């Protein structure tokens, strides 16, 4: 979907502590490389976001996310097989690879694989293939659902708003489920996917 020139621009921006806005299957997002503390701090500043609210990690595929999670329960593997890519965020115990500044010092991390080809192209264009992300909006305000809304809400504050190539966000946030052992699932937010 994204041409080579756009992918190269995205890679350069992200590798230089930049922040981008992009379409996903649910809502528009903001993202940066998880290794860039400078960029993560920019995201909090752009959104006026409470530093106690963690970001989540997203990729085009499950595999690049696994190193950020510790001891994945069988239930989580089952849900990833059923719902990745899709509108499900799984919260699990994080590994030592996950920076504390991404998770606001918490011992857990949320991971997701959006079902969106533009987002996939973004991840495939960067080393590591993972972005630290949150919704594209000011805290407590609605998330952007279109390219024009992303420009209006945060366009002046990010380094690049990635063209959506005609792919729209559906407007319903992902279901967020916590899985810390094989016996229980805790629903933090109910979205389209019912578990």
C-alpha atoms as a PDB file:
ATOM      1  CA  UNK A   1       0.000   0.000   0.000  1.00  0.00           C
ATOM      2  CA  UNK A   2       2.707   2.484   1.034  1.00  0.00           C
ATOM      3  CA  UNK A   3       5.322   3.243  -1.599  1.00  0.00           C
ATOM      4  CA  UNK A   4       9.046   2.836  -1.035  1.00  0.00           C
ATOM      5  CA  UNK A   5       9.654   6.578  -0.631  1.00  0.00           C
ATOM      6  CA  UNK A   6       7.023   6.882   2.120  1.00  0.00           C
ATOM      7  CA  UNK A   7       8.348   3.804   3.931  1.00  0.00           C
ATOM      8  CA  UNK A   8      11.882   5.210   3.797  1.00  0.00           C
ATOM      9  CA  UNK A   9      10.647   8.527   5.210  1.00  0.00           C
ATOM     10  CA  UNK A  10       8.848   6.747   8.069  1.00  0.00           C
ATOM     11  CA  UNK A  11      11.956   4.718   8.908  1.00  0.00           C
ATOM     12  CA  UNK A  12      14.146   7.827   8.969  1.00  0.00           C
ATOM     13  CA  UNK A  13      11.720   9.752  11.181  1.00  0.00           C
ATOM     14  CA  UNK A  14      11.321   6.931  13.687  1.00  0.00           C
ATOM     15  CA  UNK A  15      15.054   6.229  13.886  1.00  0.00           C
ATOM     16  CA  UNK A  16      15.592   9.904  14.736  1.00  0.00           C
ATOM     17  CA  UNK A  17      13.296   9.897  17.793  1.00  0.00           C
ATOM     18  CA  UNK A  18      10.252  10.908  15.751  1.00  0.00           C
ATOM     19  CA  UNK A  19       6.536  10.334  16.305  1.00  0.00           C
ATOM     20  CA  UNK A  20       4.079   9.386  13.550  1.00  0.00           C
ATOM     21  CA  UNK A  21       0.293   9.177  13.280  1.00  0.00           C
ATOM     22  CA  UNK A  22      -1.298   6.306  11.349  1.00  0.00           C
ATOM     23  CA  UNK A  23      -4.545   4.513  10.610  1.00  0.00           C
ATOM     24  CA  UNK A  24      -5.380   1.153  12.215  1.00  0.00           C
ATOM     25  CA  UNK A  25      -8.421  -1.111  11.996  1.00  0.00           C
ATOM     26  CA  UNK A  26      -9.973   0.532  15.094  1.00  0.00           C
ATOM     27  CA  UNK A  27      -8.920   4.187  15.525  1.00  0.00           C
ATOM     28  CA  UNK A  28      -5.981   6.329  14.434  1.00  0.00           C
ATOM     29  CA  UNK A  29      -2.834   5.933  16.483  1.00  0.00           C
ATOM     30  CA  UNK A  30       0.375   7.676  17.500  1.00  0.00           C
ATOM     31  CA  UNK A  31       3.558   5.680  17.554  1.00  0.00           C
ATOM     32  CA  UNK A  32       7.310   5.629  17.945  1.00  0.00           C
ATOM     33  CA  UNK A  33      10.093   3.109  18.398  1.00  0.00           C
ATOM     34  CA  UNK A  34       9.887   1.520  21.867  1.00  0.00           C
ATOM     35  CA  UNK A  35      13.657   1.972  22.252  1.00  0.00           C
ATOM     36  CA  UNK A  36      13.324   5.768  21.964  1.00  0.00           C
ATOM     37  CA  UNK A  37      12.643   7.266  25.372  1.00  0.00           C
ATOM     38  CA  UNK A  38      12.759  10.746  23.793  1.00  0.00           C
ATOM     39  CA  UNK A  39       9.969   9.834  21.355  1.00  0.00           C
ATOM     40  CA  UNK A  40       7.844   8.148  24.048  1.00  0.00           C
ATOM     41  CA  UNK A  41       8.090  11.316  26.135  1.00  0.00           C
ATOM     42  CA  UNK A  42       7.042  13.317  23.049  1.00  0.00           C
ATOM     43  CA  UNK A  43       3.883  11.201  22.763  1.00  0.00           C
ATOM     44  CA  UNK A  44       2.938  11.948  26.369  1.00  0.00           C
ATOM     45  CA  UNK A  45       3.545  15.645  25.744  1.00  0.00           C
ATOM     46  CA  UNK A  46       1.543  15.696  22.486  1.00  0.00           C
ATOM     47  CA  UNK A  47      -1.455  14.026  24.123  1.00  0.00           C
ATOM     48  CA  UNK A  48      -1.167  15.801  27.498  1.00  0.00           C
ATOM     49  CA  UNK A  49      -1.290  12.225  28.748  1.00  0.00           C
ATOM     50  CA  UNK A  50      -0.977  11.165  32.383  1.00  0.00           C
ATOM     51  CA  UNK A  51       2.450   9.562  32.766  1.00  0.00           C
ATOM     52  CA  UNK A  52       0.820   6.756  34.779  1.00  0.00           C
ATOM     53  CA  UNK A  53      -1.043   5.523  31.672  1.00  0.00           C
ATOM     54  CA  UNK A  54       1.079   3.016  29.724  1.00  0.00           C
ATOM     55  CA  UNK A  55       1.499   2.760  25.966  1.00  0.00           C
ATOM     56  CA  UNK A  56       0.933  -0.548  24.176  1.00  0.00           C
ATOM     57  CA  UNK A  57       3.161  -2.365  21.697  1.00  0.00           C
ATOM     58  CA  UNK A  58       1.853  -3.183  18.218  1.00  0.00           C
ATOM     59  CA  UNK A  59       3.247  -4.975  15.183  1.00  0.00           C
ATOM     60  CA  UNK A  60       2.184  -6.478  11.864  1.00  0.00           C
ATOM     61  CA  UNK A  61       2.631 -10.000  13.285  1.00  0.00           C
ATOM     62  CA  UNK A  62       2.682 -11.764  16.642  1.00  0.00           C
ATOM     63  CA  UNK A  63       6.299 -12.915  16.487  1.00  0.00           C
ATOM     64  CA  UNK A  64       8.081  -9.510  16.891  1.00  0.00           C
ATOM     65  CA  UNK A  65       5.995  -8.835  20.041  1.00  0.00           C
ATOM     66  CA  UNK A  66       6.838 -12.059  21.874  1.00  0.00           C
ATOM     67  CA  UNK A  67      10.204 -10.892  23.204  1.00  0.00           C
ATOM     68  CA  UNK A  68       8.438  -8.146  25.173  1.00  0.00           C
ATOM     69  CA  UNK A  69       6.264 -10.635  27.097  1.00  0.00           C
ATOM     70  CA  UNK A  70       7.303 -13.039  29.857  1.00  0.00           C
ATOM     71  CA  UNK A  71       5.882 -16.565  30.158  1.00  0.00           C
ATOM     72  CA  UNK A  72       2.924 -16.383  27.796  1.00  0.00           C
ATOM     73  CA  UNK A  73      -0.017 -18.424  29.175  1.00  0.00           C
ATOM     74  CA  UNK A  74      -1.628 -21.065  26.934  1.00  0.00           C
ATOM     75  CA  UNK A  75      -4.877 -19.059  27.003  1.00  0.00           C
ATOM     76  CA  UNK A  76      -3.038 -16.075  25.523  1.00  0.00           C
ATOM     77  CA  UNK A  77      -1.538 -18.219  22.749  1.00  0.00           C
ATOM     78  CA  UNK A  78      -5.050 -19.451  21.911  1.00  0.00           C
ATOM     79  CA  UNK A  79      -6.487 -15.920  21.797  1.00  0.00           C
ATOM     80  CA  UNK A  80      -3.599 -14.649  19.663  1.00  0.00           C
ATOM     81  CA  UNK A  81      -4.175 -17.485  17.190  1.00  0.00           C
ATOM     82  CA  UNK A  82      -7.910 -16.691  17.047  1.00  0.00           C
ATOM     83  CA  UNK A  83      -7.866 -12.869  17.043  1.00  0.00           C
ATOM     84  CA  UNK A  84      -4.476 -11.613  15.771  1.00  0.00           C
ATOM     85  CA  UNK A  85      -4.613  -9.646  13.564  1.00  0.00           C
ATOM     86  CA  UNK A  86      -7.673  -7.926  14.967  1.00  0.00           C
ATOM     87  CA  UNK A  87      -9.196  -5.645  17.584  1.00  0.00           C
ATOM     88  CA  UNK A  88      -7.831  -7.387  20.663  1.00  0.00           C
ATOM     89  CA  UNK A  89      -5.171  -6.057  23.036  1.00  0.00           C
ATOM     90  CA  UNK A  90      -3.693  -8.635  25.409  1.00  0.00           C
ATOM     91  CA  UNK A  91      -2.115  -7.451  28.653  1.00  0.00           C
ATOM     92  CA  UNK A  92       0.471  -9.833  30.083  1.00  0.00           C
ATOM     93  CA  UNK A  93       3.524  -9.833  32.307  1.00  0.00           C
ATOM     94  CA  UNK A  94       6.312  -7.989  30.524  1.00  0.00           C
ATOM     95  CA  UNK A  95       9.844  -9.223  29.932  1.00  0.00           C
ATOM     96  CA  UNK A  96      13.032  -7.338  30.700  1.00  0.00           C
ATOM     97  CA  UNK A  97      13.075  -6.254  27.029  1.00  0.00           C
ATOM     98  CA  UNK A  98      10.127  -3.901  27.642  1.00  0.00           C
ATOM     99  CA  UNK A  99      11.278  -0.458  28.812  1.00  0.00           C
ATOM    100  CA  UNK A 100       9.676   0.843  32.028  1.00  0.00           C
ATOM    101  CA  UNK A 101       9.003   4.209  30.364  1.00  0.00           C
ATOM    102  CA  UNK A 102       6.688   2.499  27.849  1.00  0.00           C
ATOM    103  CA  UNK A 103       4.640   0.787  30.574  1.00  0.00           C
ATOM    104  CA  UNK A 104       4.684   3.640  33.113  1.00  0.00           C
ATOM    105  CA  UNK A 105       6.710   1.415  35.438  1.00  0.00           C
ATOM    106  CA  UNK A 106       4.066  -1.326  35.499  1.00  0.00           C
ATOM    107  CA  UNK A 107       5.012  -5.014  35.416  1.00  0.00           C
ATOM    108  CA  UNK A 108       2.650  -5.669  32.502  1.00  0.00           C
ATOM    109  CA  UNK A 109       2.511  -4.732  28.826  1.00  0.00           C
ATOM    110  CA  UNK A 110      -0.298  -4.650  26.259  1.00  0.00           C
ATOM    111  CA  UNK A 111       0.314  -6.108  22.795  1.00  0.00           C
ATOM    112  CA  UNK A 112      -1.807  -6.029  19.644  1.00  0.00           C
ATOM    113  CA  UNK A 113      -1.654  -6.852  15.913  1.00  0.00           C
ATOM    114  CA  UNK A 114      -4.005  -4.486  14.016  1.00  0.00           C
ATOM    115  CA  UNK A 115      -5.760  -5.775  10.909  1.00  0.00           C
ATOM    116  CA  UNK A 116      -4.673  -2.943   8.639  1.00  0.00           C
ATOM    117  CA  UNK A 117      -2.382  -3.095   5.625  1.00  0.00           C
ATOM    118  CA  UNK A 118      -1.018   0.462   5.976  1.00  0.00           C
ATOM    119  CA  UNK A 119      -0.016  -0.229   9.571  1.00  0.00           C
ATOM    120  CA  UNK A 120       1.592  -3.511   8.457  1.00  0.00           C
ATOM    121  CA  UNK A 121       3.660  -1.647   5.866  1.00  0.00           C
ATOM    122  CA  UNK A 122       4.843   0.811   8.522  1.00  0.00           C
ATOM    123  CA  UNK A 123       6.028  -1.994  10.801  1.00  0.00           C
ATOM    124  CA  UNK A 124       7.686  -3.913   7.977  1.00  0.00           C
ATOM    125  CA  UNK A 125       9.717  -0.811   7.075  1.00  0.00           C
ATOM    126  CA  UNK A 126      11.421  -0.509  10.483  1.00  0.00           C
ATOM    127  CA  UNK A 127      13.995  -2.628  12.297  1.00  0.00           C
ATOM    128  CA  UNK A 128      12.355  -4.603  15.080  1.00  0.00           C
ATOM    129  CA  UNK A 129       8.918  -4.213  13.430  1.00  0.00           C
ATOM    130  CA  UNK A 130       7.296  -2.915  16.650  1.00  0.00           C
ATOM    131  CA  UNK A 131       5.827   0.460  17.623  1.00  0.00           C
ATOM    132  CA  UNK A 132       4.980   1.842  21.066  1.00  0.00           C
ATOM    133  CA  UNK A 133       1.517   3.275  20.515  1.00  0.00           C
ATOM    134  CA  UNK A 134      -1.582   5.014  21.797  1.00  0.00           C
ATOM    135  CA  UNK A 135      -4.624   6.609  20.196  1.00  0.00           C
ATOM    136  CA  UNK A 136      -4.250   9.803  18.137  1.00  0.00           C
ATOM    137  CA  UNK A 137      -6.006  12.432  20.231  1.00  0.00           C
ATOM    138  CA  UNK A 138      -5.594  14.682  23.221  1.00  0.00           C
ATOM    139  CA  UNK A 139      -6.260  12.821  26.477  1.00  0.00           C
ATOM    140  CA  UNK A 140      -9.980  12.606  27.352  1.00  0.00           C
ATOM    141  CA  UNK A 141     -10.930  13.669  23.794  1.00  0.00           C
ATOM    142  CA  UNK A 142     -12.264  11.328  21.060  1.00  0.00           C
ATOM    143  CA  UNK A 143      -9.668   9.491  18.993  1.00  0.00           C
ATOM    144  CA  UNK A 144      -9.151  10.514  15.375  1.00  0.00           C
ATOM    145  CA  UNK A 145     -11.036   8.293  12.915  1.00  0.00           C
ATOM    146  CA  UNK A 146      -9.897   9.853   9.637  1.00  0.00           C
ATOM    147  CA  UNK A 147      -6.776  11.355   8.095  1.00  0.00           C
ATOM    148  CA  UNK A 148      -8.361  14.835   8.298  1.00  0.00           C
ATOM    149  CA  UNK A 149      -9.162  14.397  11.989  1.00  0.00           C
ATOM    150  CA  UNK A 150      -5.617  13.219  12.685  1.00  0.00           C
ATOM    151  CA  UNK A 151      -4.287  16.352  10.976  1.00  0.00           C
ATOM    152  CA  UNK A 152      -6.732  18.527  12.932  1.00  0.00           C
ATOM    153  CA  UNK A 153      -6.116  16.942  16.353  1.00  0.00           C
ATOM    154  CA  UNK A 154      -2.364  16.381  16.390  1.00  0.00           C
ATOM    155  CA  UNK A 155      -1.016  17.137  12.902  1.00  0.00           C
ATOM    156  CA  UNK A 156       1.069  20.112  14.021  1.00  0.00           C
ATOM    157  CA  UNK A 157       2.716  18.132  16.835  1.00  0.00           C
ATOM    158  CA  UNK A 158       3.801  14.894  15.141  1.00  0.00           C
ATOM    159  CA  UNK A 159       6.606  14.456  12.651  1.00  0.00           C
ATOM    160  CA  UNK A 160       4.454  12.771   9.996  1.00  0.00           C
ATOM    161  CA  UNK A 161       0.817  11.792   9.446  1.00  0.00           C
ATOM    162  CA  UNK A 162       0.972   8.657   7.288  1.00  0.00           C
ATOM    163  CA  UNK A 163      -1.502   8.602   4.353  1.00  0.00           C
ATOM    164  CA  UNK A 164      -4.300   6.080   4.936  1.00  0.00           C
ATOM    165  CA  UNK A 165      -4.394   4.866   1.295  1.00  0.00           C
ATOM    166  CA  UNK A 166      -8.188   4.777   1.503  1.00  0.00           C
ATOM    167  CA  UNK A 167      -8.321   2.409   4.496  1.00  0.00           C
ATOM    168  CA  UNK A 168     -10.684   3.609   7.228  1.00  0.00           C
ATOM    169  CA  UNK A 169     -10.704   3.043  10.975  1.00  0.00           C
ATOM    170  CA  UNK A 170     -13.980   1.502  12.134  1.00  0.00           C
ATOM    171  CA  UNK A 171     -14.266   3.695  15.232  1.00  0.00           C
ATOM    172  CA  UNK A 172     -14.557   0.971  17.881  1.00  0.00           C
ATOM    173  CA  UNK A 173     -11.609   0.614  20.246  1.00  0.00           C
ATOM    174  CA  UNK A 174     -10.057  -2.808  20.778  1.00  0.00           C
ATOM    175  CA  UNK A 175     -11.113  -5.178  23.522  1.00  0.00           C
ATOM    176  CA  UNK A 176      -8.435  -5.145  26.250  1.00  0.00           C
ATOM    177  CA  UNK A 177      -7.980  -8.403  28.157  1.00  0.00           C
ATOM    178  CA  UNK A 178      -5.495  -9.235  30.888  1.00  0.00           C
ATOM    179  CA  UNK A 179      -4.107 -12.772  31.035  1.00  0.00           C
ATOM    180  CA  UNK A 180      -1.655 -13.595  33.804  1.00  0.00           C
ATOM    181  CA  UNK A 181      -2.219 -17.349  34.140  1.00  0.00           C
ATOM    182  CA  UNK A 182      -4.150 -20.075  32.339  1.00  0.00           C
ATOM    183  CA  UNK A 183      -7.106 -19.934  34.688  1.00  0.00           C
ATOM    184  CA  UNK A 184      -8.509 -16.441  34.274  1.00  0.00           C
ATOM    185  CA  UNK A 185      -9.101 -13.601  31.841  1.00  0.00           C
ATOM    186  CA  UNK A 186      -9.759 -10.072  33.066  1.00  0.00           C
ATOM    187  CA  UNK A 187     -11.576  -7.719  30.679  1.00  0.00           C
ATOM    188  CA  UNK A 188     -10.291  -4.152  31.112  1.00  0.00           C
ATOM    189  CA  UNK A 189     -12.247  -2.733  28.162  1.00  0.00           C
ATOM    190  CA  UNK A 190     -14.969  -4.316  26.059  1.00  0.00           C
ATOM    191  CA  UNK A 191     -14.714  -3.720  22.329  1.00  0.00           C
ATOM    192  CA  UNK A 192     -16.018  -5.603  19.285  1.00  0.00           C
ATOM    193  CA  UNK A 193     -14.363  -8.884  20.223  1.00  0.00           C
ATOM    194  CA  UNK A 194     -16.273 -10.769  22.920  1.00  0.00           C
ATOM    195  CA  UNK A 195     -14.257 -13.202  25.002  1.00  0.00           C
END
